[in-house]
Amino acid sequence: MISNVTETEFIQRFYDLRNDNFSYEGKKALFEYIEEIEDSTGEQIEFDCIAICCEYTEFENLKDFHKYYDKENYPDLDTLREYTQVIEIEDSDSFIIADF
């Protein structure tokens, strides 16, 4: 069973269950990204807050990312895109990746 959620409901469920995983702007970017996938595939995606938190990670910037991943292998976002999905967050240096 799949229920449709609005952007507001999507963000609220994260606040209720896993508020510390993504910034407000990150939650909005994730919602838009998932909607784009649904639109391009024509299939609905089941909302699972815990699964999303396990599959995606938000970073404040590349310096933050390089605390966890090698700078030589992933020097910039273009290179990182060759390995995983990168969701850039508008008006900031922050971004979300699909964990790999």
N, C-alpha and C. Protein backbone atom coordinates (compact mmCIF):
# COMPACT_ATOMS: atom_id res chain seq x y z
N MET A 1 0.85 -1.17 0.00
CA MET A 1 0.00 0.00 0.00
C MET A 1 0.90 1.24 0.00
N ILE A 2 0.64 2.12 -0.90
CA ILE A 2 1.41 3.35 -1.00
C ILE A 2 0.49 4.53 -0.79
N SER A 3 0.89 5.45 0.10
CA SER A 3 0.12 6.67 0.27
C SER A 3 0.93 7.83 -0.27
N ASN A 4 0.28 8.75 -0.91
CA ASN A 4 0.95 9.93 -1.43
C ASN A 4 1.22 10.90 -0.29
N VAL A 5 2.40 11.50 -0.31
CA VAL A 5 2.73 12.49 0.71
C VAL A 5 3.13 13.79 0.02
N THR A 6 2.75 14.87 0.63
CA THR A 6 3.15 16.19 0.14
C THR A 6 4.56 16.48 0.65
N GLU A 7 5.15 17.54 0.14
CA GLU A 7 6.47 17.94 0.61
C GLU A 7 6.42 18.23 2.12
N THR A 8 5.38 18.88 2.57
CA THR A 8 5.24 19.21 3.99
C THR A 8 5.17 17.94 4.84
N GLU A 9 4.38 16.95 4.40
CA GLU A 9 4.26 15.69 5.14
C GLU A 9 5.59 14.94 5.14
N PHE A 10 6.28 14.94 4.01
CA PHE A 10 7.59 14.29 3.89
C PHE A 10 8.55 14.88 4.92
N ILE A 11 8.63 16.19 4.97
CA ILE A 11 9.53 16.87 5.90
C ILE A 11 9.11 16.60 7.35
N GLN A 12 7.81 16.64 7.62
CA GLN A 12 7.32 16.41 8.97
C GLN A 12 7.64 15.00 9.46
N ARG A 13 7.54 14.01 8.59
CA ARG A 13 7.85 12.64 9.01
C ARG A 13 9.32 12.50 9.39
N PHE A 14 10.19 13.21 8.69
CA PHE A 14 11.59 13.21 9.10
C PHE A 14 11.76 13.87 10.45
N TYR A 15 11.06 14.98 10.68
CA TYR A 15 11.14 15.64 11.99
C TYR A 15 10.67 14.69 13.09
N ASP A 16 9.63 13.92 12.80
CA ASP A 16 9.08 13.00 13.79
C ASP A 16 9.99 11.81 14.06
N LEU A 17 10.66 11.30 13.02
CA LEU A 17 11.40 10.05 13.15
C LEU A 17 12.92 10.21 13.18
N ARG A 18 13.46 11.02 12.29
CA ARG A 18 14.92 11.10 12.13
C ARG A 18 15.35 12.52 11.82
N ASN A 19 15.03 13.44 12.66
CA ASN A 19 15.24 14.86 12.38
C ASN A 19 16.69 15.23 12.12
N ASP A 20 17.62 14.49 12.71
CA ASP A 20 19.02 14.89 12.63
C ASP A 20 19.75 14.41 11.38
N ASN A 21 19.08 13.66 10.50
CA ASN A 21 19.77 13.12 9.33
C ASN A 21 20.00 14.13 8.21
N PHE A 22 19.06 15.03 8.00
CA PHE A 22 19.16 15.97 6.89
C PHE A 22 18.70 17.35 7.36
N SER A 23 19.28 18.37 6.76
CA SER A 23 18.83 19.74 7.02
C SER A 23 17.45 19.93 6.40
N TYR A 24 16.79 21.01 6.75
CA TYR A 24 15.49 21.33 6.15
C TYR A 24 15.63 21.41 4.63
N GLU A 25 16.67 22.10 4.16
CA GLU A 25 16.89 22.24 2.72
C GLU A 25 17.21 20.89 2.09
N GLY A 26 17.92 20.04 2.83
CA GLY A 26 18.23 18.69 2.35
C GLY A 26 16.98 17.85 2.19
N LYS A 27 16.07 17.97 3.14
CA LYS A 27 14.80 17.24 3.05
C LYS A 27 14.01 17.68 1.83
N LYS A 28 14.00 18.97 1.57
CA LYS A 28 13.30 19.50 0.39
C LYS A 28 13.95 18.97 -0.89
N ALA A 29 15.27 18.97 -0.94
CA ALA A 29 15.99 18.48 -2.12
C ALA A 29 15.73 16.99 -2.34
N LEU A 30 15.70 16.21 -1.27
CA LEU A 30 15.40 14.78 -1.39
C LEU A 30 13.99 14.56 -1.91
N PHE A 31 13.04 15.32 -1.39
CA PHE A 31 11.66 15.19 -1.85
C PHE A 31 11.58 15.46 -3.35
N GLU A 32 12.20 16.54 -3.80
CA GLU A 32 12.18 16.88 -5.23
C GLU A 32 12.86 15.79 -6.06
N TYR A 33 13.97 15.26 -5.57
CA TYR A 33 14.69 14.21 -6.27
C TYR A 33 13.82 12.95 -6.42
N ILE A 34 13.17 12.55 -5.34
CA ILE A 34 12.32 11.35 -5.39
C ILE A 34 11.13 11.58 -6.31
N GLU A 35 10.55 12.77 -6.28
CA GLU A 35 9.46 13.08 -7.20
C GLU A 35 9.92 13.02 -8.66
N GLU A 36 11.13 13.49 -8.94
CA GLU A 36 11.67 13.42 -10.30
C GLU A 36 11.82 11.98 -10.76
N ILE A 37 12.27 11.11 -9.86
CA ILE A 37 12.39 9.68 -10.20
C ILE A 37 11.01 9.11 -10.52
N GLU A 38 10.02 9.43 -9.69
CA GLU A 38 8.67 8.94 -9.93
C GLU A 38 8.14 9.43 -11.27
N ASP A 39 8.35 10.70 -11.57
CA ASP A 39 7.87 11.27 -12.83
C ASP A 39 8.56 10.63 -14.03
N SER A 40 9.86 10.37 -13.93
CA SER A 40 10.59 9.82 -15.07
C SER A 40 10.33 8.34 -15.28
N THR A 41 10.01 7.61 -14.20
CA THR A 41 9.76 6.17 -14.34
C THR A 41 8.28 5.84 -14.43
N GLY A 42 7.43 6.77 -13.99
CA GLY A 42 5.99 6.49 -13.98
C GLY A 42 5.57 5.57 -12.85
N GLU A 43 6.47 5.31 -11.90
CA GLU A 43 6.16 4.43 -10.78
C GLU A 43 6.30 5.18 -9.46
N GLN A 44 5.40 4.87 -8.54
CA GLN A 44 5.48 5.48 -7.22
C GLN A 44 6.55 4.80 -6.39
N ILE A 45 7.19 5.56 -5.53
CA ILE A 45 8.20 5.04 -4.62
C ILE A 45 7.62 5.07 -3.21
N GLU A 46 7.73 3.95 -2.53
CA GLU A 46 7.22 3.88 -1.16
C GLU A 46 8.07 4.75 -0.25
N PHE A 47 7.42 5.58 0.55
CA PHE A 47 8.13 6.43 1.50
C PHE A 47 8.55 5.61 2.70
N ASP A 48 9.84 5.52 2.92
CA ASP A 48 10.40 4.80 4.06
C ASP A 48 11.53 5.67 4.62
N CYS A 49 11.21 6.42 5.63
CA CYS A 49 12.14 7.39 6.21
C CYS A 49 13.45 6.72 6.63
N ILE A 50 13.37 5.58 7.28
CA ILE A 50 14.57 4.90 7.77
C ILE A 50 15.43 4.45 6.60
N ALA A 51 14.82 3.89 5.57
CA ALA A 51 15.58 3.44 4.40
C ALA A 51 16.28 4.62 3.72
N ILE A 52 15.59 5.74 3.59
CA ILE A 52 16.19 6.92 2.98
C ILE A 52 17.40 7.38 3.80
N CYS A 53 17.27 7.35 5.11
CA CYS A 53 18.39 7.75 5.97
C CYS A 53 19.58 6.80 5.83
N CYS A 54 19.31 5.54 5.52
CA CYS A 54 20.39 4.56 5.34
C CYS A 54 21.01 4.65 3.95
N GLU A 55 20.27 5.16 2.98
CA GLU A 55 20.72 5.17 1.59
C GLU A 55 21.37 6.49 1.17
N TYR A 56 21.11 7.57 1.90
CA TYR A 56 21.60 8.89 1.50
C TYR A 56 22.27 9.58 2.68
N THR A 57 23.28 10.40 2.36
CA THR A 57 23.98 11.18 3.37
C THR A 57 24.16 12.61 2.87
N GLU A 58 23.93 13.56 3.76
CA GLU A 58 24.12 14.97 3.43
C GLU A 58 25.47 15.45 3.97
N PHE A 59 26.15 16.25 3.15
CA PHE A 59 27.42 16.86 3.54
C PHE A 59 27.30 18.37 3.41
N GLU A 60 27.95 19.10 4.31
CA GLU A 60 27.90 20.57 4.27
C GLU A 60 28.64 21.13 3.06
N ASN A 61 29.69 20.44 2.65
CA ASN A 61 30.51 20.89 1.53
C ASN A 61 31.52 19.78 1.21
N LEU A 62 32.38 20.02 0.22
CA LEU A 62 33.38 19.01 -0.14
C LEU A 62 34.36 18.74 0.99
N LYS A 63 34.71 19.77 1.75
CA LYS A 63 35.63 19.57 2.88
C LYS A 63 35.03 18.57 3.88
N ASP A 64 33.76 18.71 4.16
CA ASP A 64 33.06 17.78 5.04
C ASP A 64 33.06 16.37 4.43
N PHE A 65 32.77 16.27 3.15
CA PHE A 65 32.77 14.99 2.44
C PHE A 65 34.14 14.32 2.53
N HIS A 66 35.20 15.10 2.39
CA HIS A 66 36.55 14.55 2.39
C HIS A 66 37.01 14.07 3.77
N LYS A 67 36.24 14.31 4.79
CA LYS A 67 36.53 13.70 6.10
C LYS A 67 36.26 12.20 6.06
N TYR A 68 35.40 11.77 5.13
CA TYR A 68 34.97 10.38 5.06
C TYR A 68 35.43 9.66 3.79
N TYR A 69 35.71 10.42 2.74
CA TYR A 69 36.10 9.85 1.45
C TYR A 69 37.39 10.51 0.97
N ASP A 70 38.20 9.74 0.27
CA ASP A 70 39.51 10.18 -0.18
C ASP A 70 39.42 11.34 -1.18
N LYS A 71 40.14 12.40 -0.88
CA LYS A 71 40.13 13.60 -1.73
C LYS A 71 40.75 13.32 -3.09
N GLU A 72 41.75 12.45 -3.15
CA GLU A 72 42.40 12.15 -4.43
C GLU A 72 41.46 11.41 -5.38
N ASN A 73 40.65 10.52 -4.85
CA ASN A 73 39.71 9.76 -5.69
C ASN A 73 38.48 10.57 -6.07
N TYR A 74 38.07 11.49 -5.21
CA TYR A 74 36.85 12.27 -5.42
C TYR A 74 37.14 13.76 -5.19
N PRO A 75 37.91 14.38 -6.08
CA PRO A 75 38.33 15.77 -5.84
C PRO A 75 37.23 16.81 -5.99
N ASP A 76 36.16 16.47 -6.73
CA ASP A 76 35.09 17.44 -6.98
C ASP A 76 33.77 16.71 -7.23
N LEU A 77 32.70 17.48 -7.32
CA LEU A 77 31.37 16.88 -7.50
C LEU A 77 31.23 16.18 -8.85
N ASP A 78 31.87 16.70 -9.89
CA ASP A 78 31.78 16.05 -11.19
C ASP A 78 32.37 14.65 -11.15
N THR A 79 33.50 14.49 -10.50
CA THR A 79 34.10 13.17 -10.36
C THR A 79 33.22 12.28 -9.49
N LEU A 80 32.69 12.83 -8.42
CA LEU A 80 31.82 12.06 -7.53
C LEU A 80 30.60 11.55 -8.27
N ARG A 81 30.06 12.34 -9.19
CA ARG A 81 28.89 11.92 -9.98
C ARG A 81 29.16 10.68 -10.83
N GLU A 82 30.42 10.40 -11.12
CA GLU A 82 30.77 9.21 -11.88
C GLU A 82 30.57 7.94 -11.05
N TYR A 83 30.47 8.09 -9.73
CA TYR A 83 30.38 6.95 -8.83
C TYR A 83 29.02 6.81 -8.15
N THR A 84 28.31 7.91 -8.03
CA THR A 84 27.03 7.87 -7.31
C THR A 84 26.17 9.07 -7.67
N GLN A 85 24.93 9.02 -7.23
CA GLN A 85 24.01 10.14 -7.43
C GLN A 85 24.37 11.27 -6.48
N VAL A 86 24.43 12.48 -7.01
CA VAL A 86 24.70 13.67 -6.20
C VAL A 86 23.50 14.60 -6.33
N ILE A 87 22.94 14.98 -5.20
CA ILE A 87 21.80 15.90 -5.17
C ILE A 87 22.31 17.21 -4.57
N GLU A 88 22.44 18.21 -5.40
CA GLU A 88 22.92 19.50 -4.90
C GLU A 88 21.78 20.26 -4.24
N ILE A 89 22.09 20.97 -3.18
CA ILE A 89 21.10 21.73 -2.43
C ILE A 89 21.23 23.19 -2.85
N GLU A 90 20.12 23.75 -3.32
CA GLU A 90 20.11 25.11 -3.85
C GLU A 90 20.66 26.13 -2.86
N ASP A 91 21.35 27.12 -3.41
CA ASP A 91 21.85 28.26 -2.65
C ASP A 91 22.78 27.88 -1.50
N SER A 92 23.53 26.78 -1.67
CA SER A 92 24.49 26.39 -0.64
C SER A 92 25.56 25.50 -1.27
N ASP A 93 26.57 25.19 -0.49
CA ASP A 93 27.60 24.25 -0.92
C ASP A 93 27.26 22.83 -0.50
N SER A 94 26.14 22.67 0.20
CA SER A 94 25.74 21.36 0.70
C SER A 94 25.24 20.48 -0.44
N PHE A 95 25.36 19.17 -0.21
CA PHE A 95 24.86 18.20 -1.18
C PHE A 95 24.58 16.88 -0.48
N ILE A 96 23.81 16.05 -1.15
CA ILE A 96 23.45 14.73 -0.65
C ILE A 96 23.95 13.71 -1.66
N ILE A 97 24.47 12.59 -1.16
CA ILE A 97 24.88 11.52 -2.06
C ILE A 97 24.10 10.26 -1.73
N ALA A 98 23.93 9.42 -2.76
CA ALA A 98 23.48 8.06 -2.53
C ALA A 98 24.71 7.31 -2.03
N ASP A 99 24.61 6.74 -0.84
CA ASP A 99 25.77 6.08 -0.24
C ASP A 99 26.29 4.96 -1.14
N PHE A 100 27.60 4.85 -1.18
CA PHE A 100 28.23 3.81 -2.01
C PHE A 100 29.43 3.25 -1.31
